[in-house]
Amino acid sequence: MAGHSKWANIQHRKNAQDRKRGKIFTKVIREITVAARTGGGDPAANPRLRLAVDKALGANMNKENIERAIKKATGELEGVNYEEIRFEGYAPGGVAVIVETMTDNRNRTVADVRHGFSKHGGNLGTDGSVAFMFNKIGVLSYAPGADEDAITEAAIEAGADDVRVHEADGSIEVVCAPENFEAVRQGMVDAGHVPDESEVTMRADIDVAVEGDAAKDVVKMLERLEDLDDVQDVYHNADLPPDAYE
């Protein structure tokens, strides 16, 4: 387990997202649009769309806006075409970073992401330069103090792959394959264990501990990338101390 507080990092990211609620709506709408265009407009038959709709509802987006985005994607209403582009590179301290974007202007996005890396001492790499370090997984997070035994029992019953207890802060994560995420999440909810946070994300096999000024530079770079309009998600393998966010 990483030495720093996983829960503190999760809460910092959540608080930052809450401060940028309007931008979250934009990101979710784009995800709904691409998911519906590639897999169809029926959430029941399109897991990616179902996950995007759940994320939109979790952000308190109203159903009318969700339905309008789906109709635009499926051609019932006029909409914008978005292209998905993934960027890979390194932040200070040898931290691996993946940036996933959706854009209607490739040149703008490439320039913005490249600048986001270089502004704080990072380097944009080539396709595949860091992706091999990461795995796509479903994660359900529980705050410190949650009942480890009860969560573990429910997770096994729900079909999860692993339960991880972080020694640094006592927080708990239930981990599963992306294709089983919805079933595991519903199983945990049905068992009375509603996660504090849940998502399908990318996690690296090995974290890189970063301290001091380098850690603060990593946070600045990640936040700059996350603030870009075309960026959907930023994944990294930095193990950061709480004071890096100050």
Protein backbone atom coordinates (compact mmCIF):
# COMPACT_ATOMS: atom_id res chain seq x y z
CA MET A 1 0.00 0.00 0.00
CA ALA A 2 1.08 3.57 -0.67
CA GLY A 3 2.28 5.46 2.39
CA HIS A 4 0.18 8.61 1.98
CA SER A 5 -3.53 9.06 2.59
CA LYS A 6 -5.53 7.76 -0.34
CA TRP A 7 -8.69 9.20 1.17
CA ALA A 8 -7.21 12.69 1.47
CA ASN A 9 -6.32 12.61 -2.22
CA ILE A 10 -9.83 11.48 -3.15
CA GLN A 11 -11.44 14.23 -1.08
CA HIS A 12 -9.16 16.91 -2.51
CA ARG A 13 -10.11 15.89 -6.04
CA LYS A 14 -13.80 15.80 -5.16
CA ASN A 15 -13.69 19.24 -3.57
CA ALA A 16 -11.91 20.62 -6.62
CA GLN A 17 -14.59 19.13 -8.86
CA ASP A 18 -17.36 20.61 -6.72
CA ARG A 19 -15.84 24.05 -7.19
CA LYS A 20 -16.00 23.56 -10.95
CA ARG A 21 -19.52 22.14 -11.22
CA GLY A 22 -20.26 23.84 -14.54
CA LYS A 23 -17.15 22.32 -16.09
CA ILE A 24 -18.13 18.90 -14.75
CA PHE A 25 -21.45 19.23 -16.60
CA THR A 26 -19.57 19.95 -19.83
CA LYS A 27 -17.34 16.90 -19.40
CA VAL A 28 -20.25 14.62 -18.62
CA ILE A 29 -22.27 15.85 -21.60
CA ARG A 30 -19.34 15.07 -23.88
CA GLU A 31 -19.01 11.58 -22.39
CA ILE A 32 -22.74 10.95 -22.89
CA THR A 33 -22.46 12.20 -26.48
CA VAL A 34 -19.55 9.94 -27.43
CA ALA A 35 -20.97 6.94 -25.57
CA ALA A 36 -24.36 7.27 -27.26
CA ARG A 37 -22.84 7.81 -30.69
CA THR A 38 -20.57 4.75 -30.46
CA GLY A 39 -22.86 2.35 -28.59
CA GLY A 40 -26.42 3.56 -29.18
CA GLY A 41 -28.81 5.73 -27.21
CA ASP A 42 -30.28 3.08 -24.92
CA PRO A 43 -28.50 3.08 -21.53
CA ALA A 44 -29.84 -0.39 -20.75
CA ALA A 45 -27.97 -1.81 -23.75
CA ASN A 46 -24.92 0.49 -23.60
CA PRO A 47 -22.83 0.13 -20.40
CA ARG A 48 -20.63 3.12 -21.20
CA LEU A 49 -23.68 5.33 -21.68
CA ARG A 50 -25.30 3.98 -18.52
CA LEU A 51 -22.19 4.87 -16.53
CA ALA A 52 -22.11 8.36 -18.06
CA VAL A 53 -25.78 8.91 -17.25
CA ASP A 54 -25.22 7.75 -13.67
CA LYS A 55 -22.32 10.20 -13.40
CA ALA A 56 -24.53 13.00 -14.75
CA LEU A 57 -27.29 12.23 -12.28
CA GLY A 58 -24.72 12.07 -9.48
CA ALA A 59 -23.64 15.59 -10.43
CA ASN A 60 -27.29 16.71 -10.19
CA MET A 61 -27.72 17.23 -13.92
CA ASN A 62 -31.39 17.23 -14.88
CA LYS A 63 -32.83 14.45 -17.02
CA GLU A 64 -33.89 16.80 -19.81
CA ASN A 65 -30.29 17.84 -20.50
CA ILE A 66 -29.20 14.18 -20.43
CA GLU A 67 -31.92 13.18 -22.90
CA ARG A 68 -31.07 16.13 -25.16
CA ALA A 69 -27.39 15.09 -25.26
CA ILE A 70 -28.36 11.52 -26.19
CA LYS A 71 -30.67 12.74 -28.96
CA LYS A 72 -27.94 14.96 -30.37
CA ALA A 73 -25.54 12.03 -30.39
CA THR A 74 -27.97 9.70 -32.14
CA GLY A 75 -28.93 12.28 -34.76
CA GLU A 76 -32.40 13.17 -33.50
CA LEU A 77 -31.12 16.68 -32.79
CA GLU A 78 -28.23 18.62 -34.35
CA GLY A 79 -25.05 18.29 -32.28
CA VAL A 80 -21.25 18.53 -32.25
CA ASN A 81 -18.91 15.71 -33.24
CA TYR A 82 -16.21 14.97 -30.66
CA GLU A 83 -12.97 13.07 -31.23
CA GLU A 84 -11.34 11.10 -28.41
CA ILE A 85 -7.58 11.63 -28.02
CA ARG A 86 -5.32 10.15 -25.34
CA PHE A 87 -2.03 11.80 -24.32
CA GLU A 88 0.74 10.20 -22.28
CA GLY A 89 3.76 11.65 -20.55
CA TYR A 90 5.59 12.35 -17.33
CA ALA A 91 5.22 14.89 -14.53
CA PRO A 92 8.14 15.95 -12.28
CA GLY A 93 9.63 13.16 -10.19
CA GLY A 94 9.08 10.52 -12.87
CA VAL A 95 5.30 10.42 -12.33
CA ALA A 96 3.46 8.77 -15.22
CA VAL A 97 0.39 10.65 -16.51
CA ILE A 98 -2.43 9.76 -18.90
CA VAL A 99 -4.75 12.51 -20.17
CA GLU A 100 -7.99 11.56 -21.91
CA THR A 101 -9.70 14.24 -23.98
CA MET A 102 -12.76 14.77 -26.14
CA THR A 103 -12.48 17.59 -28.63
CA ASP A 104 -13.95 19.21 -31.70
CA ASN A 105 -10.59 20.85 -32.46
CA ARG A 106 -7.57 18.53 -32.39
CA ASN A 107 -4.96 21.25 -32.95
CA ARG A 108 -6.23 23.32 -30.04
CA THR A 109 -6.28 20.34 -27.71
CA VAL A 110 -2.78 19.14 -28.64
CA ALA A 111 -1.37 22.62 -28.03
CA ASP A 112 -3.19 23.05 -24.71
CA VAL A 113 -2.14 19.67 -23.34
CA ARG A 114 1.46 20.08 -24.47
CA HIS A 115 1.61 23.44 -22.71
CA GLY A 116 0.00 21.92 -19.61
CA PHE A 117 2.82 19.40 -19.37
CA SER A 118 5.69 21.78 -20.10
CA LYS A 119 4.46 24.67 -17.90
CA HIS A 120 5.25 22.75 -14.70
CA GLY A 121 8.27 20.69 -15.71
CA GLY A 122 6.53 17.72 -17.34
CA ASN A 123 7.17 16.07 -20.68
CA LEU A 124 4.60 14.89 -23.21
CA GLY A 125 5.50 11.41 -24.48
CA THR A 126 4.48 9.17 -27.35
CA ASP A 127 1.54 6.77 -27.56
CA GLY A 128 2.19 3.78 -25.33
CA SER A 129 4.99 5.43 -23.35
CA VAL A 130 3.16 5.04 -20.02
CA ALA A 131 -0.16 3.32 -20.76
CA PHE A 132 1.40 -0.11 -20.21
CA MET A 133 1.78 0.76 -16.51
CA PHE A 134 -1.97 1.27 -16.01
CA ASN A 135 -5.00 -0.99 -15.76
CA LYS A 136 -8.64 0.00 -16.13
CA ILE A 137 -10.62 -0.96 -13.02
CA GLY A 138 -13.82 -0.20 -11.16
CA VAL A 139 -13.29 1.29 -7.67
CA LEU A 140 -15.76 1.84 -4.85
CA SER A 141 -14.26 3.93 -2.03
CA TYR A 142 -15.28 3.96 1.64
CA ALA A 143 -14.17 6.53 4.20
CA PRO A 144 -11.92 5.72 7.14
CA GLY A 145 -13.89 4.02 9.89
CA ALA A 146 -16.06 1.89 7.59
CA ASP A 147 -16.72 -1.71 8.68
CA GLU A 148 -13.99 -3.71 6.94
CA ASP A 149 -15.44 -7.15 7.68
CA ALA A 150 -18.95 -6.26 6.53
CA ILE A 151 -17.71 -4.54 3.37
CA THR A 152 -15.44 -7.49 2.55
CA GLU A 153 -18.25 -9.99 2.97
CA ALA A 154 -20.60 -7.91 0.79
CA ALA A 155 -17.89 -7.37 -1.84
CA ILE A 156 -17.27 -11.10 -2.18
CA GLU A 157 -20.99 -11.69 -2.56
CA ALA A 158 -21.27 -8.91 -5.16
CA GLY A 159 -18.48 -10.39 -7.30
CA ALA A 160 -15.66 -7.92 -6.59
CA ASP A 161 -12.07 -8.89 -7.37
CA ASP A 162 -10.36 -7.37 -4.33
CA VAL A 163 -10.82 -5.34 -1.16
CA ARG A 164 -7.95 -3.00 -0.26
CA VAL A 165 -7.49 -1.39 3.14
CA HIS A 166 -5.11 1.58 3.11
CA GLU A 167 -2.99 1.45 6.24
CA ALA A 168 -2.13 5.15 6.12
CA ASP A 169 -5.70 6.27 6.80
CA GLY A 170 -7.93 3.20 7.15
CA SER A 171 -9.97 3.92 4.04
CA ILE A 172 -11.26 0.93 2.06
CA GLU A 173 -11.54 0.28 -1.66
CA VAL A 174 -13.57 -2.41 -3.36
CA VAL A 175 -12.04 -3.22 -6.75
CA CYS A 176 -13.64 -4.97 -9.72
CA ALA A 177 -13.37 -5.39 -13.48
CA PRO A 178 -14.88 -2.48 -15.45
CA GLU A 179 -17.48 -4.72 -17.06
CA ASN A 180 -18.68 -5.80 -13.60
CA PHE A 181 -18.72 -2.30 -12.10
CA GLU A 182 -22.45 -1.68 -12.25
CA ALA A 183 -23.31 -5.12 -10.86
CA VAL A 184 -20.80 -4.81 -8.01
CA ARG A 185 -21.89 -1.27 -7.15
CA GLN A 186 -25.54 -2.28 -7.09
CA GLY A 187 -24.70 -5.34 -5.01
CA MET A 188 -22.90 -3.20 -2.45
CA VAL A 189 -25.76 -0.69 -2.33
CA ASP A 190 -28.30 -3.50 -1.92
CA ALA A 191 -26.23 -4.83 0.98
CA GLY A 192 -26.39 -1.44 2.68
CA HIS A 193 -22.85 -0.30 1.83
CA VAL A 194 -23.28 2.79 -0.34
CA PRO A 195 -19.81 3.91 -1.47
CA ASP A 196 -18.67 7.45 -0.70
CA GLU A 197 -17.12 7.56 -4.17
CA SER A 198 -17.33 5.15 -7.10
CA GLU A 199 -15.87 5.23 -10.60
CA VAL A 200 -14.25 3.32 -13.42
CA THR A 201 -10.70 4.62 -13.53
CA MET A 202 -7.11 3.85 -14.52
CA ARG A 203 -4.67 2.73 -11.84
CA ALA A 204 -0.96 2.06 -12.17
CA ASP A 205 0.62 -1.13 -10.86
CA ILE A 206 3.23 0.87 -8.92
CA ASP A 207 2.91 4.33 -7.37
CA VAL A 208 5.78 6.83 -7.31
CA ALA A 209 6.29 8.68 -4.02
CA VAL A 210 6.94 12.40 -4.54
CA GLU A 211 7.77 14.88 -1.76
CA GLY A 212 8.43 18.58 -1.23
CA ASP A 213 8.51 21.05 -4.11
CA ALA A 214 8.35 18.27 -6.69
CA ALA A 215 5.05 17.06 -5.21
CA LYS A 216 3.62 20.57 -5.38
CA ASP A 217 4.75 20.89 -9.01
CA VAL A 218 3.00 17.60 -9.80
CA VAL A 219 -0.24 18.85 -8.25
CA LYS A 220 -0.02 22.14 -10.16
CA MET A 221 0.50 20.27 -13.42
CA LEU A 222 -2.35 17.85 -12.80
CA GLU A 223 -4.73 20.64 -11.83
CA ARG A 224 -3.75 22.67 -14.89
CA LEU A 225 -4.48 19.70 -17.14
CA GLU A 226 -7.78 18.96 -15.39
CA ASP A 227 -8.85 22.59 -15.91
CA LEU A 228 -8.54 22.35 -19.70
CA ASP A 229 -11.95 22.41 -21.36
CA ASP A 230 -11.23 19.43 -23.61
CA VAL A 231 -9.84 17.17 -20.86
CA GLN A 232 -12.16 14.47 -19.54
CA ASP A 233 -9.88 12.59 -17.14
CA VAL A 234 -6.32 12.74 -15.85
CA TYR A 235 -4.75 9.58 -14.41
CA HIS A 236 -1.38 9.37 -12.67
CA ASN A 237 0.71 7.15 -10.39
CA ALA A 238 1.88 9.83 -7.93
CA ASP A 239 1.78 9.01 -4.23
CA LEU A 240 1.38 12.53 -2.82
CA PRO A 241 1.53 13.85 0.75
CA PRO A 242 -1.40 16.01 1.95
CA ASP A 243 0.74 19.15 2.10
CA ALA A 244 1.27 18.95 -1.67
CA TYR A 245 -2.23 20.40 -2.06
CA GLU A 246 -1.59 23.44 0.12
